[in-house]
Full PDB file with SEQRES, HELIX, SHEET, SSBOND, CRYST1, ORIGX, SCALE, CONECT and MASTER records, all heavy atoms in Angstrom:
SEQRES   1 A   39  PRO GLU ASP SER GLY ALA GLY GLY PHE PHE PHE THR SER          
SEQRES   2 A   39  HIS ASP HIS GLU GLN LEU ILE HIS ARG THR LYS PRO GLY          
SEQRES   3 A   39  TYR ASP ASN ALA THR PRO SER GLY ASN GLY VAL ALA ALA          
HELIX    1 AA1 GLY A   34  ALA A   38  1                                   5    
CRYST1    1.000    1.000    1.000  90.00  90.00  90.00 P 1           1          
ORIGX1      1.000000  0.000000  0.000000        0.00000                         
ORIGX2      0.000000  1.000000  0.000000        0.00000                         
ORIGX3      0.000000  0.000000  1.000000        0.00000                         
SCALE1      1.000000  0.000000  0.000000        0.00000                         
SCALE2      0.000000  1.000000  0.000000        0.00000                         
SCALE3      0.000000  0.000000  1.000000        0.00000                         
ATOM      1  N   PRO A   1     -50.208 -38.580  78.725  1.00  0.00           N  
ATOM      2  CA  PRO A   1     -51.425 -39.032  78.045  1.00  0.00           C  
ATOM      3  C   PRO A   1     -51.842 -38.142  76.884  1.00  0.00           C  
ATOM      4  O   PRO A   1     -52.521 -38.589  75.978  1.00  0.00           O  
ATOM      5  CB  PRO A   1     -52.477 -39.030  79.167  1.00  0.00           C  
ATOM      6  CG  PRO A   1     -51.922 -38.114  80.217  1.00  0.00           C  
ATOM      7  CD  PRO A   1     -50.441 -38.234  80.130  1.00  0.00           C  
ATOM      8  N   GLU A   2     -51.444 -36.852  76.885  1.00  0.00           N  
ATOM      9  CA  GLU A   2     -51.816 -35.978  75.777  1.00  0.00           C  
ATOM     10  C   GLU A   2     -50.839 -36.080  74.617  1.00  0.00           C  
ATOM     11  O   GLU A   2     -51.067 -35.535  73.536  1.00  0.00           O  
ATOM     12  CB  GLU A   2     -51.877 -34.508  76.246  1.00  0.00           C  
ATOM     13  CG  GLU A   2     -53.034 -34.198  77.192  1.00  0.00           C  
ATOM     14  CD  GLU A   2     -52.709 -34.591  78.631  1.00  0.00           C  
ATOM     15  OE1 GLU A   2     -51.518 -34.756  78.933  1.00  0.00           O  
ATOM     16  OE2 GLU A   2     -53.654 -34.746  79.418  1.00  0.00           O  
ATOM     17  N   ASP A   3     -49.743 -36.770  74.820  1.00  0.00           N  
ATOM     18  CA  ASP A   3     -48.716 -36.883  73.794  1.00  0.00           C  
ATOM     19  C   ASP A   3     -49.147 -37.930  72.775  1.00  0.00           C  
ATOM     20  O   ASP A   3     -49.436 -39.071  73.121  1.00  0.00           O  
ATOM     21  CB  ASP A   3     -47.390 -37.307  74.432  1.00  0.00           C  
ATOM     22  CG  ASP A   3     -46.219 -37.181  73.466  1.00  0.00           C  
ATOM     23  OD1 ASP A   3     -46.415 -37.451  72.275  1.00  0.00           O  
ATOM     24  OD2 ASP A   3     -45.121 -36.802  73.920  1.00  0.00           O  
ATOM     25  N   SER A   4     -49.200 -37.545  71.489  1.00  0.00           N  
ATOM     26  CA  SER A   4     -49.663 -38.462  70.450  1.00  0.00           C  
ATOM     27  C   SER A   4     -48.718 -39.633  70.271  1.00  0.00           C  
ATOM     28  O   SER A   4     -49.064 -40.627  69.637  1.00  0.00           O  
ATOM     29  CB  SER A   4     -49.814 -37.714  69.119  1.00  0.00           C  
ATOM     30  OG  SER A   4     -48.567 -37.173  68.717  1.00  0.00           O  
ATOM     31  N   GLY A   5     -47.504 -39.546  70.815  1.00  0.00           N  
ATOM     32  CA  GLY A   5     -46.565 -40.633  70.685  1.00  0.00           C  
ATOM     33  C   GLY A   5     -46.659 -41.659  71.796  1.00  0.00           C  
ATOM     34  O   GLY A   5     -45.928 -42.647  71.788  1.00  0.00           O  
ATOM     35  N   ALA A   6     -47.537 -41.443  72.773  1.00  0.00           N  
ATOM     36  CA  ALA A   6     -47.659 -42.379  73.883  1.00  0.00           C  
ATOM     37  C   ALA A   6     -48.299 -43.671  73.416  1.00  0.00           C  
ATOM     38  O   ALA A   6     -49.076 -43.708  72.475  1.00  0.00           O  
ATOM     39  CB  ALA A   6     -48.489 -41.756  75.003  1.00  0.00           C  
ATOM     40  N   GLY A   7     -47.973 -44.744  74.135  1.00  0.00           N  
ATOM     41  CA  GLY A   7     -48.589 -46.026  73.847  1.00  0.00           C  
ATOM     42  C   GLY A   7     -47.810 -46.825  72.823  1.00  0.00           C  
ATOM     43  O   GLY A   7     -46.864 -46.350  72.196  1.00  0.00           O  
ATOM     44  N   GLY A   8     -48.206 -48.085  72.658  1.00  0.00           N  
ATOM     45  CA  GLY A   8     -47.528 -48.966  71.727  1.00  0.00           C  
ATOM     46  C   GLY A   8     -46.279 -49.572  72.335  1.00  0.00           C  
ATOM     47  O   GLY A   8     -45.843 -49.212  73.440  1.00  0.00           O  
ATOM     48  N   PHE A   9     -45.694 -50.490  71.600  1.00  0.00           N  
ATOM     49  CA  PHE A   9     -44.551 -51.251  72.082  1.00  0.00           C  
ATOM     50  C   PHE A   9     -43.374 -51.107  71.121  1.00  0.00           C  
ATOM     51  O   PHE A   9     -43.538 -51.230  69.907  1.00  0.00           O  
ATOM     52  CB  PHE A   9     -44.921 -52.732  72.212  1.00  0.00           C  
ATOM     53  CG  PHE A   9     -46.028 -52.988  73.200  1.00  0.00           C  
ATOM     54  CD1 PHE A   9     -47.355 -52.952  72.801  1.00  0.00           C  
ATOM     55  CD2 PHE A   9     -45.742 -53.240  74.536  1.00  0.00           C  
ATOM     56  CE1 PHE A   9     -48.378 -53.180  73.698  1.00  0.00           C  
ATOM     57  CE2 PHE A   9     -46.761 -53.467  75.451  1.00  0.00           C  
ATOM     58  CZ  PHE A   9     -48.078 -53.431  75.032  1.00  0.00           C  
ATOM     59  N   PHE A  10     -42.207 -50.841  71.693  1.00  0.00           N  
ATOM     60  CA  PHE A  10     -40.993 -50.794  70.888  1.00  0.00           C  
ATOM     61  C   PHE A  10     -40.599 -52.213  70.466  1.00  0.00           C  
ATOM     62  O   PHE A  10     -40.896 -53.194  71.154  1.00  0.00           O  
ATOM     63  CB  PHE A  10     -39.848 -50.177  71.688  1.00  0.00           C  
ATOM     64  CG  PHE A  10     -40.009 -48.712  71.973  1.00  0.00           C  
ATOM     65  CD1 PHE A  10     -40.283 -48.267  73.259  1.00  0.00           C  
ATOM     66  CD2 PHE A  10     -39.877 -47.772  70.955  1.00  0.00           C  
ATOM     67  CE1 PHE A  10     -40.430 -46.917  73.528  1.00  0.00           C  
ATOM     68  CE2 PHE A  10     -40.010 -46.417  71.220  1.00  0.00           C  
ATOM     69  CZ  PHE A  10     -40.294 -45.986  72.503  1.00  0.00           C  
ATOM     70  N   PHE A  11     -39.908 -52.303  69.344  1.00  0.00           N  
ATOM     71  CA  PHE A  11     -39.437 -53.606  68.874  1.00  0.00           C  
ATOM     72  C   PHE A  11     -38.333 -54.148  69.772  1.00  0.00           C  
ATOM     73  O   PHE A  11     -38.204 -55.363  69.942  1.00  0.00           O  
ATOM     74  CB  PHE A  11     -38.929 -53.496  67.434  1.00  0.00           C  
ATOM     75  CG  PHE A  11     -38.493 -54.804  66.843  1.00  0.00           C  
ATOM     76  CD1 PHE A  11     -39.406 -55.824  66.618  1.00  0.00           C  
ATOM     77  CD2 PHE A  11     -37.164 -55.024  66.521  1.00  0.00           C  
ATOM     78  CE1 PHE A  11     -39.005 -57.049  66.090  1.00  0.00           C  
ATOM     79  CE2 PHE A  11     -36.747 -56.237  65.986  1.00  0.00           C  
ATOM     80  CZ  PHE A  11     -37.676 -57.242  65.767  1.00  0.00           C  
ATOM     81  N   THR A  12     -37.552 -53.261  70.374  1.00  0.00           N  
ATOM     82  CA  THR A  12     -36.490 -53.678  71.289  1.00  0.00           C  
ATOM     83  C   THR A  12     -36.860 -53.280  72.717  1.00  0.00           C  
ATOM     84  O   THR A  12     -37.592 -52.320  72.944  1.00  0.00           O  
ATOM     85  CB  THR A  12     -35.143 -53.028  70.916  1.00  0.00           C  
ATOM     86  OG1 THR A  12     -35.294 -51.602  70.895  1.00  0.00           O  
ATOM     87  CG2 THR A  12     -34.670 -53.519  69.559  1.00  0.00           C  
ATOM     88  N   SER A  13     -36.323 -54.007  73.680  1.00  0.00           N  
ATOM     89  CA  SER A  13     -36.623 -53.747  75.084  1.00  0.00           C  
ATOM     90  C   SER A  13     -35.881 -52.508  75.574  1.00  0.00           C  
ATOM     91  O   SER A  13     -34.925 -52.042  74.953  1.00  0.00           O  
ATOM     92  CB  SER A  13     -36.242 -54.960  75.938  1.00  0.00           C  
ATOM     93  OG  SER A  13     -34.867 -55.245  75.799  1.00  0.00           O  
ATOM     94  N   HIS A  14     -36.310 -51.997  76.714  1.00  0.00           N  
ATOM     95  CA  HIS A  14     -35.702 -50.789  77.268  1.00  0.00           C  
ATOM     96  C   HIS A  14     -34.243 -51.002  77.652  1.00  0.00           C  
ATOM     97  O   HIS A  14     -33.467 -50.037  77.690  1.00  0.00           O  
ATOM     98  CB  HIS A  14     -36.493 -50.330  78.505  1.00  0.00           C  
ATOM     99  CG  HIS A  14     -37.926 -50.008  78.215  1.00  0.00           C  
ATOM    100  ND1 HIS A  14     -38.343 -49.389  77.053  1.00  0.00           N  
ATOM    101  CD2 HIS A  14     -39.056 -50.228  78.955  1.00  0.00           C  
ATOM    102  CE1 HIS A  14     -39.665 -49.234  77.090  1.00  0.00           C  
ATOM    103  NE2 HIS A  14     -40.117 -49.735  78.224  1.00  0.00           N  
ATOM    104  N   ASP A  15     -33.866 -52.248  77.944  1.00  0.00           N  
ATOM    105  CA  ASP A  15     -32.484 -52.515  78.324  1.00  0.00           C  
ATOM    106  C   ASP A  15     -31.653 -53.052  77.155  1.00  0.00           C  
ATOM    107  O   ASP A  15     -30.567 -53.591  77.354  1.00  0.00           O  
ATOM    108  CB  ASP A  15     -32.422 -53.492  79.505  1.00  0.00           C  
ATOM    109  CG  ASP A  15     -33.085 -54.829  79.189  1.00  0.00           C  
ATOM    110  OD1 ASP A  15     -33.760 -54.944  78.156  1.00  0.00           O  
ATOM    111  OD2 ASP A  15     -32.930 -55.768  79.996  1.00  0.00           O  
ATOM    112  N   HIS A  16     -32.168 -52.901  75.947  1.00  0.00           N  
ATOM    113  CA  HIS A  16     -31.420 -53.312  74.758  1.00  0.00           C  
ATOM    114  C   HIS A  16     -30.277 -52.323  74.512  1.00  0.00           C  
ATOM    115  O   HIS A  16     -30.277 -51.209  75.055  1.00  0.00           O  
ATOM    116  CB  HIS A  16     -32.356 -53.346  73.545  1.00  0.00           C  
ATOM    117  CG  HIS A  16     -31.833 -54.116  72.368  1.00  0.00           C  
ATOM    118  ND1 HIS A  16     -31.966 -55.475  72.260  1.00  0.00           N  
ATOM    119  CD2 HIS A  16     -31.176 -53.713  71.245  1.00  0.00           C  
ATOM    120  CE1 HIS A  16     -31.423 -55.885  71.131  1.00  0.00           C  
ATOM    121  NE2 HIS A  16     -30.935 -54.835  70.495  1.00  0.00           N  
ATOM    122  N   GLU A  17     -29.305 -52.738  73.710  1.00  0.00           N  
ATOM    123  CA  GLU A  17     -28.238 -51.809  73.359  1.00  0.00           C  
ATOM    124  C   GLU A  17     -28.825 -50.571  72.678  1.00  0.00           C  
ATOM    125  O   GLU A  17     -29.840 -50.640  71.983  1.00  0.00           O  
ATOM    126  CB  GLU A  17     -27.235 -52.479  72.423  1.00  0.00           C  
ATOM    127  CG  GLU A  17     -27.809 -52.892  71.077  1.00  0.00           C  
ATOM    128  CD  GLU A  17     -26.781 -53.585  70.205  1.00  0.00           C  
ATOM    129  OE1 GLU A  17     -25.934 -52.871  69.647  1.00  0.00           O  
ATOM    130  OE2 GLU A  17     -26.843 -54.821  70.087  1.00  0.00           O  
ATOM    131  N   GLN A  18     -28.216 -49.427  72.894  1.00  0.00           N  
ATOM    132  CA  GLN A  18     -28.735 -48.169  72.376  1.00  0.00           C  
ATOM    133  C   GLN A  18     -28.684 -48.152  70.853  1.00  0.00           C  
ATOM    134  O   GLN A  18     -27.666 -48.481  70.246  1.00  0.00           O  
ATOM    135  CB  GLN A  18     -27.938 -46.990  72.934  1.00  0.00           C  
ATOM    136  CG  GLN A  18     -28.542 -45.646  72.597  1.00  0.00           C  
ATOM    137  CD  GLN A  18     -27.846 -44.509  73.322  1.00  0.00           C  
ATOM    138  OE1 GLN A  18     -26.964 -44.737  74.135  1.00  0.00           O  
ATOM    139  NE2 GLN A  18     -28.245 -43.283  73.034  1.00  0.00           N  
ATOM    140  N   LEU A  19     -29.796 -47.773  70.257  1.00  0.00           N  
ATOM    141  CA  LEU A  19     -29.911 -47.707  68.803  1.00  0.00           C  
ATOM    142  C   LEU A  19     -30.136 -46.264  68.365  1.00  0.00           C  
ATOM    143  O   LEU A  19     -30.597 -45.423  69.151  1.00  0.00           O  
ATOM    144  CB  LEU A  19     -31.083 -48.580  68.321  1.00  0.00           C  
ATOM    145  CG  LEU A  19     -31.031 -50.064  68.705  1.00  0.00           C  
ATOM    146  CD1 LEU A  19     -32.315 -50.759  68.279  1.00  0.00           C  
ATOM    147  CD2 LEU A  19     -29.822 -50.740  68.077  1.00  0.00           C  
ATOM    148  N   ILE A  20     -29.848 -45.996  67.106  1.00  0.00           N  
ATOM    149  CA  ILE A  20     -30.110 -44.656  66.565  1.00  0.00           C  
ATOM    150  C   ILE A  20     -31.602 -44.370  66.593  1.00  0.00           C  
ATOM    151  O   ILE A  20     -32.031 -43.250  66.908  1.00  0.00           O  
ATOM    152  CB  ILE A  20     -29.560 -44.538  65.130  1.00  0.00           C  
ATOM    153  CG1 ILE A  20     -28.039 -44.684  65.140  1.00  0.00           C  
ATOM    154  CG2 ILE A  20     -29.964 -43.212  64.506  1.00  0.00           C  
ATOM    155  CD1 ILE A  20     -27.425 -44.721  63.762  1.00  0.00           C  
ATOM    156  N   HIS A  21     -32.394 -45.383  66.293  1.00  0.00           N  
ATOM    157  CA  HIS A  21     -33.849 -45.198  66.283  1.00  0.00           C  
ATOM    158  C   HIS A  21     -34.512 -46.490  66.731  1.00  0.00           C  
ATOM    159  O   HIS A  21     -34.170 -47.571  66.250  1.00  0.00           O  
ATOM    160  CB  HIS A  21     -34.321 -44.834  64.868  1.00  0.00           C  
ATOM    161  CG  HIS A  21     -35.816 -44.723  64.743  1.00  0.00           C  
ATOM    162  ND1 HIS A  21     -36.554 -43.810  65.462  1.00  0.00           N  
ATOM    163  CD2 HIS A  21     -36.705 -45.424  63.981  1.00  0.00           C  
ATOM    164  CE1 HIS A  21     -37.831 -43.938  65.146  1.00  0.00           C  
ATOM    165  NE2 HIS A  21     -37.950 -44.906  64.259  1.00  0.00           N  
ATOM    166  N   ARG A  22     -35.441 -46.395  67.684  1.00  0.00           N  
ATOM    167  CA  ARG A  22     -36.210 -47.555  68.142  1.00  0.00           C  
ATOM    168  C   ARG A  22     -37.572 -47.542  67.472  1.00  0.00           C  
ATOM    169  O   ARG A  22     -38.351 -46.598  67.644  1.00  0.00           O  
ATOM    170  CB  ARG A  22     -36.382 -47.534  69.660  1.00  0.00           C  
ATOM    171  CG  ARG A  22     -35.099 -47.743  70.438  1.00  0.00           C  
ATOM    172  CD  ARG A  22     -35.368 -47.637  71.931  1.00  0.00           C  
ATOM    173  NE  ARG A  22     -36.145 -48.777  72.423  1.00  0.00           N  
ATOM    174  CZ  ARG A  22     -36.759 -48.795  73.605  1.00  0.00           C  
ATOM    175  NH1 ARG A  22     -36.739 -47.730  74.382  1.00  0.00           N  
ATOM    176  NH2 ARG A  22     -37.415 -49.869  73.997  1.00  0.00           N  
ATOM    177  N   THR A  23     -37.857 -48.584  66.722  1.00  0.00           N  
ATOM    178  CA  THR A  23     -39.102 -48.619  65.964  1.00  0.00           C  
ATOM    179  C   THR A  23     -40.246 -49.177  66.811  1.00  0.00           C  
ATOM    180  O   THR A  23     -40.031 -49.913  67.784  1.00  0.00           O  
ATOM    181  CB  THR A  23     -38.947 -49.486  64.709  1.00  0.00           C  
ATOM    182  OG1 THR A  23     -38.603 -50.824  65.112  1.00  0.00           O  
ATOM    183  CG2 THR A  23     -37.866 -48.922  63.797  1.00  0.00           C  
ATOM    184  N   LYS A  24     -41.460 -48.809  66.414  1.00  0.00           N  
ATOM    185  CA  LYS A  24     -42.683 -49.402  66.946  1.00  0.00           C  
ATOM    186  C   LYS A  24     -43.439 -49.982  65.745  1.00  0.00           C  
ATOM    187  O   LYS A  24     -44.251 -49.305  65.126  1.00  0.00           O  
ATOM    188  CB  LYS A  24     -43.563 -48.351  67.624  1.00  0.00           C  
ATOM    189  CG  LYS A  24     -43.061 -47.786  68.924  1.00  0.00           C  
ATOM    190  CD  LYS A  24     -44.117 -46.822  69.467  1.00  0.00           C  
ATOM    191  CE  LYS A  24     -43.618 -46.024  70.642  1.00  0.00           C  
ATOM    192  NZ  LYS A  24     -44.638 -45.020  71.081  1.00  0.00           N  
ATOM    193  N   PRO A  25     -43.211 -51.225  65.389  1.00  0.00           N  
ATOM    194  CA  PRO A  25     -43.825 -51.789  64.182  1.00  0.00           C  
ATOM    195  C   PRO A  25     -45.326 -51.986  64.343  1.00  0.00           C  
ATOM    196  O   PRO A  25     -45.779 -52.695  65.242  1.00  0.00           O  
ATOM    197  CB  PRO A  25     -43.096 -53.127  64.013  1.00  0.00           C  
ATOM    198  CG  PRO A  25     -42.636 -53.487  65.393  1.00  0.00           C  
ATOM    199  CD  PRO A  25     -42.336 -52.194  66.080  1.00  0.00           C  
ATOM    200  N   GLY A  26     -46.093 -51.343  63.477  1.00  0.00           N  
ATOM    201  CA  GLY A  26     -47.541 -51.445  63.563  1.00  0.00           C  
ATOM    202  C   GLY A  26     -48.167 -52.166  62.396  1.00  0.00           C  
ATOM    203  O   GLY A  26     -49.173 -52.855  62.548  1.00  0.00           O  
ATOM    204  N   TYR A  27     -47.591 -52.031  61.210  1.00  0.00           N  
ATOM    205  CA  TYR A  27     -48.201 -52.672  60.045  1.00  0.00           C  
ATOM    206  C   TYR A  27     -47.671 -54.092  59.888  1.00  0.00           C  
ATOM    207  O   TYR A  27     -46.552 -54.417  60.248  1.00  0.00           O  
ATOM    208  CB  TYR A  27     -47.951 -51.856  58.774  1.00  0.00           C  
ATOM    209  CG  TYR A  27     -46.504 -51.553  58.477  1.00  0.00           C  
ATOM    210  CD1 TYR A  27     -45.696 -52.472  57.810  1.00  0.00           C  
ATOM    211  CD2 TYR A  27     -45.942 -50.325  58.849  1.00  0.00           C  
ATOM    212  CE1 TYR A  27     -44.371 -52.185  57.539  1.00  0.00           C  
ATOM    213  CE2 TYR A  27     -44.607 -50.040  58.582  1.00  0.00           C  
ATOM    214  CZ  TYR A  27     -43.836 -50.971  57.926  1.00  0.00           C  
ATOM    215  OH  TYR A  27     -42.515 -50.696  57.662  1.00  0.00           O  
ATOM    216  N   ASP A  28     -48.511 -54.953  59.331  1.00  0.00           N  
ATOM    217  CA  ASP A  28     -48.154 -56.354  59.145  1.00  0.00           C  
ATOM    218  C   ASP A  28     -47.245 -56.521  57.931  1.00  0.00           C  
ATOM    219  O   ASP A  28     -47.384 -55.800  56.931  1.00  0.00           O  
ATOM    220  CB  ASP A  28     -49.401 -57.204  58.951  1.00  0.00           C  
ATOM    221  CG  ASP A  28     -50.259 -57.278  60.205  1.00  0.00           C  
ATOM    222  OD1 ASP A  28     -49.875 -56.684  61.222  1.00  0.00           O  
ATOM    223  OD2 ASP A  28     -51.316 -57.928  60.156  1.00  0.00           O  
ATOM    224  N   ASN A  29     -46.339 -57.482  58.030  1.00  0.00           N  
ATOM    225  CA  ASN A  29     -45.514 -57.882  56.898  1.00  0.00           C  
ATOM    226  C   ASN A  29     -45.852 -59.331  56.567  1.00  0.00           C  
ATOM    227  O   ASN A  29     -47.021 -59.686  56.499  1.00  0.00           O  
ATOM    228  CB  ASN A  29     -44.028 -57.703  57.229  1.00  0.00           C  
ATOM    229  CG  ASN A  29     -43.622 -56.237  57.229  1.00  0.00           C  
ATOM    230  OD1 ASN A  29     -43.654 -55.583  56.201  1.00  0.00           O  
ATOM    231  ND2 ASN A  29     -43.236 -55.721  58.390  1.00  0.00           N  
ATOM    232  N   ALA A  30     -44.834 -60.168  56.363  1.00  0.00           N  
ATOM    233  CA  ALA A  30     -45.088 -61.590  56.134  1.00  0.00           C  
ATOM    234  C   ALA A  30     -45.716 -62.233  57.366  1.00  0.00           C  
ATOM    235  O   ALA A  30     -46.428 -63.233  57.265  1.00  0.00           O  
ATOM    236  CB  ALA A  30     -43.794 -62.297  55.760  1.00  0.00           C  
ATOM    237  N   THR A  31     -45.448 -61.669  58.536  1.00  0.00           N  
ATOM    238  CA  THR A  31     -46.084 -62.093  59.779  1.00  0.00           C  
ATOM    239  C   THR A  31     -46.790 -60.892  60.392  1.00  0.00           C  
ATOM    240  O   THR A  31     -46.486 -59.746  60.059  1.00  0.00           O  
ATOM    241  CB  THR A  31     -45.047 -62.643  60.780  1.00  0.00           C  
ATOM    242  OG1 THR A  31     -44.053 -61.644  61.020  1.00  0.00           O  
ATOM    243  CG2 THR A  31     -44.386 -63.909  60.233  1.00  0.00           C  
ATOM    244  N   PRO A  32     -47.759 -61.113  61.265  1.00  0.00           N  
ATOM    245  CA  PRO A  32     -48.441 -59.993  61.915  1.00  0.00           C  
ATOM    246  C   PRO A  32     -47.455 -59.129  62.704  1.00  0.00           C  
ATOM    247  O   PRO A  32     -46.397 -59.584  63.127  1.00  0.00           O  
ATOM    248  CB  PRO A  32     -49.437 -60.678  62.846  1.00  0.00           C  
ATOM    249  CG  PRO A  32     -49.651 -62.025  62.258  1.00  0.00           C  
ATOM    250  CD  PRO A  32     -48.335 -62.416  61.651  1.00  0.00           C  
ATOM    251  N   SER A  33     -47.821 -57.885  62.903  1.00  0.00           N  
ATOM    252  CA  SER A  33     -46.944 -56.956  63.623  1.00  0.00           C  
ATOM    253  C   SER A  33     -46.878 -57.311  65.097  1.00  0.00           C  
ATOM    254  O   SER A  33     -47.843 -57.820  65.687  1.00  0.00           O  
ATOM    255  CB  SER A  33     -47.446 -55.522  63.464  1.00  0.00           C  
ATOM    256  OG  SER A  33     -48.589 -55.296  64.268  1.00  0.00           O  
ATOM    257  N   GLY A  34     -45.724 -57.038  65.706  1.00  0.00           N  
ATOM    258  CA  GLY A  34     -45.581 -57.280  67.125  1.00  0.00           C  
ATOM    259  C   GLY A  34     -46.566 -56.478  67.952  1.00  0.00           C  
ATOM    260  O   GLY A  34     -47.097 -56.968  68.952  1.00  0.00           O  
ATOM    261  N   ASN A  35     -46.833 -55.237  67.547  1.00  0.00           N  
ATOM    262  CA  ASN A  35     -47.796 -54.421  68.286  1.00  0.00           C  
ATOM    263  C   ASN A  35     -49.202 -55.004  68.176  1.00  0.00           C  
ATOM    264  O   ASN A  35     -49.953 -55.012  69.155  1.00  0.00           O  
ATOM    265  CB  ASN A  35     -47.769 -52.978  67.778  1.00  0.00           C  
ATOM    266  CG  ASN A  35     -46.790 -52.114  68.546  1.00  0.00           C  
ATOM    267  OD1 ASN A  35     -47.083 -51.633  69.624  1.00  0.00           O  
ATOM    268  ND2 ASN A  35     -45.600 -51.934  67.981  1.00  0.00           N  
ATOM    269  N   GLY A  36     -49.554 -55.480  66.987  1.00  0.00           N  
ATOM    270  CA  GLY A  36     -50.880 -56.056  66.814  1.00  0.00           C  
ATOM    271  C   GLY A  36     -51.074 -57.308  67.649  1.00  0.00           C  
ATOM    272  O   GLY A  36     -52.095 -57.469  68.339  1.00  0.00           O  
ATOM    273  N   VAL A  37     -50.099 -58.204  67.620  1.00  0.00           N  
ATOM    274  CA  VAL A  37     -50.213 -59.455  68.365  1.00  0.00           C  
ATOM    275  C   VAL A  37     -50.147 -59.190  69.868  1.00  0.00           C  
ATOM    276  O   VAL A  37     -50.892 -59.790  70.649  1.00  0.00           O  
ATOM    277  CB  VAL A  37     -49.119 -60.441  67.933  1.00  0.00           C  
ATOM    278  CG1 VAL A  37     -49.157 -61.707  68.777  1.00  0.00           C  
ATOM    279  CG2 VAL A  37     -49.288 -60.802  66.459  1.00  0.00           C  
ATOM    280  N   ALA A  38     -49.263 -58.292  70.297  1.00  0.00           N  
ATOM    281  CA  ALA A  38     -49.159 -57.976  71.720  1.00  0.00           C  
ATOM    282  C   ALA A  38     -50.471 -57.400  72.243  1.00  0.00           C  
ATOM    283  O   ALA A  38     -50.972 -57.813  73.299  1.00  0.00           O  
ATOM    284  CB  ALA A  38     -48.018 -56.998  71.968  1.00  0.00           C  
ATOM    285  N   ALA A  39     -51.029 -56.443  71.515  1.00  0.00           N  
ATOM    286  CA  ALA A  39     -52.271 -55.810  71.961  1.00  0.00           C  
ATOM    287  C   ALA A  39     -53.430 -56.796  71.957  1.00  0.00           C  
ATOM    288  O   ALA A  39     -54.270 -56.801  72.870  1.00  0.00           O  
ATOM    289  CB  ALA A  39     -52.589 -54.608  71.078  1.00  0.00           C  
TER     290      ALA A  39                                                      
MASTER        0    0    0    1    0    0    0    6  289    1    0    3          
END                                                                             
């Protein structure tokens, strides 16, 4: 809980193939962000 990186949703699931970097999209693009809509 004290970790500033806690919370939010990854773009890929935990059982997805391993990636170099798993993003947490927060800002909107042409469509609203997955984190915004999920929350």
